Amino acid sequence: MFGSTVLEVAIGLTFCYASVALIVSTLQEALASLLRLRARTLLGGVKTMLNDPNYDGLARALYTHALVNPHDDGTAADERALKFKPSYIEPKMFAIAMLDTIQSIPGNWDQLGRDIDAVGDQQVRRALQSIYQQAGGDLARLQAGIAGWFDTAMERVSGAYKRKALMVSLALSLLLAILFNIDSIHLFRTLWQQPALAAQFSVEALEKGGVNALMT
């Protein structure tokens, strides 16, 4: 088609490995969904953020709150009893739920400050005190500050999840390479020695949009 064996072989190799990449991506997403990896990673991140590794303090209180976990019944005493674990928490909803959990008298700014001073964990208490002081009596600013704190913590969680996903992808790629005996040198030689096959791969890749050809 292109009159260049080198170009057609390159397109053929690209098409083959893009196909494998699509298979790996699909398997990874299916595995993540089956094992609820995002939900478990999020819960672990919230527990770390709130220094509640045993899930018996603020993390449990927040995961029983309807704004954070609306699909659960709010009665779970531990992680295993959770009927549903969210895969995503809206930062603004997290902030509102946090204040709702901490405060004893809704709408009372001074009492809210005292409630924050009574938070058990020292690190969480200091973080909330700092955000509270910077808010200067503005509830919206306080909520925005807590939401920003949550966003920062979740960025670290997201980074950890991406590293785990990368390791899973590498493992799946290696497994597929072994199972299907994917040999780059052999594949290159086959396409080089059979120009008609390389040309056919090129046509399929361009006519069907490369990787999208696998979906047809």
Protein backbone atom coordinates (compact mmCIF):
# COMPACT_ATOMS: atom_id res chain seq x y z
CA MET A 1 0.00 0.00 0.00
CA PHE A 2 2.73 2.45 1.01
CA GLY A 3 5.44 1.00 -1.20
CA SER A 4 7.74 0.85 1.85
CA THR A 5 8.22 -2.44 3.68
CA VAL A 6 9.89 -0.65 6.60
CA LEU A 7 6.91 1.65 7.09
CA GLU A 8 4.38 -1.17 6.78
CA VAL A 9 6.30 -3.35 9.24
CA ALA A 10 6.45 -0.43 11.69
CA ILE A 11 2.69 0.12 11.39
CA GLY A 12 2.08 -3.61 11.80
CA LEU A 13 4.18 -3.80 14.96
CA THR A 14 2.48 -0.71 16.35
CA PHE A 15 -0.94 -2.17 15.64
CA CYS A 16 -0.07 -5.51 17.28
CA TYR A 17 1.29 -3.96 20.46
CA ALA A 18 -1.51 -1.41 20.65
CA SER A 19 -3.89 -4.37 20.55
CA VAL A 20 -2.05 -6.02 23.42
CA ALA A 21 -2.10 -2.73 25.36
CA LEU A 22 -5.87 -2.52 24.92
CA ILE A 23 -6.30 -6.08 26.20
CA VAL A 24 -4.09 -5.34 29.22
CA SER A 25 -6.02 -2.13 29.98
CA THR A 26 -9.35 -3.95 29.76
CA LEU A 27 -8.15 -6.77 32.03
CA GLN A 28 -6.74 -4.28 34.53
CA GLU A 29 -10.03 -2.36 34.74
CA ALA A 30 -11.98 -5.60 35.13
CA LEU A 31 -9.64 -6.73 37.91
CA ALA A 32 -9.83 -3.36 39.67
CA SER A 33 -13.63 -3.46 39.51
CA LEU A 34 -13.80 -7.06 40.75
CA LEU A 35 -11.50 -6.39 43.71
CA ARG A 36 -12.93 -2.88 44.33
CA LEU A 37 -9.40 -1.52 44.39
CA ARG A 38 -10.40 2.14 44.05
CA ALA A 39 -12.86 1.94 46.94
CA ARG A 40 -10.39 0.12 49.16
CA THR A 41 -7.60 2.55 48.28
CA LEU A 42 -9.86 5.53 49.03
CA LEU A 43 -10.84 4.13 52.42
CA GLY A 44 -7.19 3.50 53.24
CA GLY A 45 -6.38 7.09 52.24
CA VAL A 46 -9.11 8.54 54.47
CA LYS A 47 -7.91 6.42 57.39
CA THR A 48 -4.35 7.65 56.86
CA MET A 49 -5.45 11.27 56.49
CA LEU A 50 -7.39 11.15 59.75
CA ASN A 51 -4.87 8.99 61.63
CA ASP A 52 -7.52 6.35 62.20
CA PRO A 53 -5.86 3.05 61.15
CA ASN A 54 -8.22 0.96 63.29
CA TYR A 55 -11.34 2.57 61.80
CA ASP A 56 -12.76 3.43 65.20
CA GLY A 57 -12.68 7.24 65.15
CA LEU A 58 -13.27 10.01 62.62
CA ALA A 59 -12.89 7.72 59.60
CA ARG A 60 -15.70 5.49 60.79
CA ALA A 61 -17.86 8.49 61.71
CA LEU A 62 -17.42 9.95 58.23
CA TYR A 63 -18.06 6.67 56.42
CA THR A 64 -21.37 6.37 58.24
CA HIS A 65 -22.35 9.89 57.14
CA ALA A 66 -24.88 10.06 54.31
CA LEU A 67 -22.96 12.78 52.44
CA VAL A 68 -19.83 10.62 52.24
CA ASN A 69 -21.35 7.18 51.87
CA PRO A 70 -25.00 7.62 50.82
CA HIS A 71 -25.48 4.01 49.65
CA ASP A 72 -24.63 2.41 52.99
CA ASP A 73 -27.04 2.20 55.91
CA GLY A 74 -24.63 3.92 58.34
CA THR A 75 -24.64 1.14 60.93
CA ALA A 76 -21.32 -0.57 60.16
CA ALA A 77 -19.18 -0.98 63.27
CA ASP A 78 -16.05 -1.91 61.29
CA GLU A 79 -14.72 -2.02 57.73
CA ARG A 80 -15.92 -5.57 57.05
CA ALA A 81 -19.47 -4.62 57.97
CA LEU A 82 -19.61 -1.87 55.34
CA LYS A 83 -22.17 -2.90 52.75
CA PHE A 84 -20.86 -0.29 50.32
CA LYS A 85 -17.56 1.56 49.93
CA PRO A 86 -17.55 4.65 47.70
CA SER A 87 -14.95 4.87 44.94
CA TYR A 88 -15.08 8.68 45.01
CA ILE A 89 -15.93 11.32 47.60
CA GLU A 90 -16.77 14.88 46.60
CA PRO A 91 -14.38 17.17 48.56
CA LYS A 92 -17.15 19.66 49.39
CA MET A 93 -19.37 16.87 50.75
CA PHE A 94 -16.42 15.55 52.77
CA ALA A 95 -15.92 18.98 54.33
CA ILE A 96 -19.60 19.38 55.23
CA ALA A 97 -19.71 15.87 56.68
CA MET A 98 -16.55 16.53 58.68
CA LEU A 99 -17.99 19.66 60.29
CA ASP A 100 -21.33 17.97 60.86
CA THR A 101 -19.54 15.12 62.62
CA ILE A 102 -17.40 17.37 64.82
CA GLN A 103 -19.76 20.17 65.81
CA SER A 104 -22.09 19.84 68.78
CA ILE A 105 -24.18 22.96 68.09
CA PRO A 106 -24.82 23.65 64.39
CA GLY A 107 -24.33 27.27 63.38
CA ASN A 108 -22.36 28.28 66.47
CA TRP A 109 -18.92 29.40 65.29
CA ASP A 110 -17.32 29.75 68.72
CA GLN A 111 -18.60 26.36 69.84
CA LEU A 112 -17.28 24.83 66.64
CA GLY A 113 -13.83 26.12 67.58
CA ARG A 114 -14.14 24.42 70.96
CA ASP A 115 -15.34 21.23 69.30
CA ILE A 116 -12.26 21.27 67.06
CA ASP A 117 -10.08 21.78 70.13
CA ALA A 118 -11.63 18.61 71.54
CA VAL A 119 -10.69 16.40 68.56
CA GLY A 120 -8.75 13.46 69.95
CA ASP A 121 -5.93 13.04 67.44
CA GLN A 122 -3.28 15.74 67.80
CA GLN A 123 -2.31 15.99 64.14
CA VAL A 124 -5.89 16.14 62.90
CA ARG A 125 -6.73 18.66 65.61
CA ARG A 126 -3.83 20.92 64.63
CA ALA A 127 -4.76 20.75 60.95
CA LEU A 128 -8.38 21.67 61.68
CA GLN A 129 -7.36 24.43 64.10
CA SER A 130 -5.14 25.99 61.43
CA ILE A 131 -7.91 25.88 58.82
CA TYR A 132 -10.42 27.22 61.36
CA GLN A 133 -8.20 30.18 62.26
CA GLN A 134 -7.54 31.05 58.62
CA ALA A 135 -11.27 30.98 57.87
CA GLY A 136 -11.76 33.98 60.18
CA GLY A 137 -15.38 33.21 61.03
CA ASP A 138 -16.40 32.44 57.43
CA LEU A 139 -18.04 29.02 57.24
CA ALA A 140 -17.64 28.82 53.44
CA ARG A 141 -13.91 29.45 53.75
CA LEU A 142 -13.67 26.82 56.47
CA GLN A 143 -15.42 24.26 54.27
CA ALA A 144 -13.19 25.21 51.33
CA GLY A 145 -10.11 24.79 53.52
CA ILE A 146 -11.13 21.31 54.65
CA ALA A 147 -12.00 20.39 51.05
CA GLY A 148 -8.53 21.55 49.96
CA TRP A 149 -6.92 19.51 52.72
CA PHE A 150 -8.87 16.47 51.53
CA ASP A 151 -7.87 17.11 47.89
CA THR A 152 -4.18 17.25 48.84
CA ALA A 153 -4.42 13.99 50.77
CA MET A 154 -6.26 12.30 47.90
CA GLU A 155 -3.60 13.39 45.39
CA ARG A 156 -1.12 11.27 47.34
CA VAL A 157 -3.62 8.40 47.38
CA SER A 158 -4.12 8.77 43.64
CA GLY A 159 -0.38 8.60 43.08
CA ALA A 160 -0.14 5.41 45.14
CA TYR A 161 -3.05 3.88 43.21
CA LYS A 162 -1.44 4.72 39.86
CA ARG A 163 1.79 3.03 40.97
CA LYS A 164 -0.16 -0.09 41.94
CA ALA A 165 -2.04 0.00 38.63
CA LEU A 166 1.27 0.26 36.76
CA MET A 167 2.62 -2.80 38.56
CA VAL A 168 -0.57 -4.72 37.73
CA SER A 169 -0.28 -3.67 34.08
CA LEU A 170 3.33 -4.84 33.94
CA ALA A 171 2.39 -8.18 35.50
CA LEU A 172 -0.52 -8.67 33.08
CA SER A 173 1.68 -7.71 30.11
CA LEU A 174 4.29 -10.24 31.15
CA LEU A 175 1.63 -12.90 31.64
CA LEU A 176 0.13 -12.27 28.20
CA ALA A 177 3.57 -12.29 26.60
CA ILE A 178 4.25 -15.71 28.13
CA LEU A 179 0.81 -17.19 27.43
CA PHE A 180 0.67 -16.06 23.81
CA ASN A 181 4.41 -16.34 23.19
CA ILE A 182 4.66 -12.73 22.05
CA ASP A 183 8.14 -12.44 20.58
CA SER A 184 9.06 -9.08 19.08
CA ILE A 185 11.94 -10.47 17.05
CA HIS A 186 9.81 -13.28 15.62
CA LEU A 187 6.95 -10.86 14.90
CA PHE A 188 9.31 -8.46 13.15
CA ARG A 189 10.82 -11.23 11.03
CA THR A 190 7.37 -12.55 10.09
CA LEU A 191 6.16 -9.14 8.94
CA TRP A 192 9.45 -8.40 7.17
CA GLN A 193 9.47 -11.68 5.31
CA GLN A 194 5.78 -11.46 4.43
CA PRO A 195 5.19 -7.95 3.04
CA ALA A 196 1.62 -8.82 2.09
CA LEU A 197 0.81 -9.56 5.75
CA ALA A 198 2.47 -6.32 6.87
CA ALA A 199 0.47 -4.41 4.25
CA GLN A 200 -2.73 -6.04 5.46
CA PHE A 201 -2.00 -4.97 9.05
CA SER A 202 -1.38 -1.43 7.80
CA VAL A 203 -4.68 -1.32 5.96
CA GLU A 204 -6.57 -2.68 8.99
CA ALA A 205 -4.87 -0.20 11.31
CA LEU A 206 -5.71 2.82 9.16
CA GLU A 207 -9.18 1.84 7.96
CA LYS A 208 -10.43 0.84 11.40
CA GLY A 209 -8.58 3.42 13.43
CA GLY A 210 -5.74 1.37 14.86
CA VAL A 211 -6.65 0.10 18.27
CA ASN A 212 -10.36 0.62 17.60
CA ALA A 213 -10.18 -2.23 15.11
CA LEU A 214 -10.33 -4.60 18.05
CA MET A 215 -13.72 -3.25 19.04
CA THR A 216 -15.38 -4.10 15.70
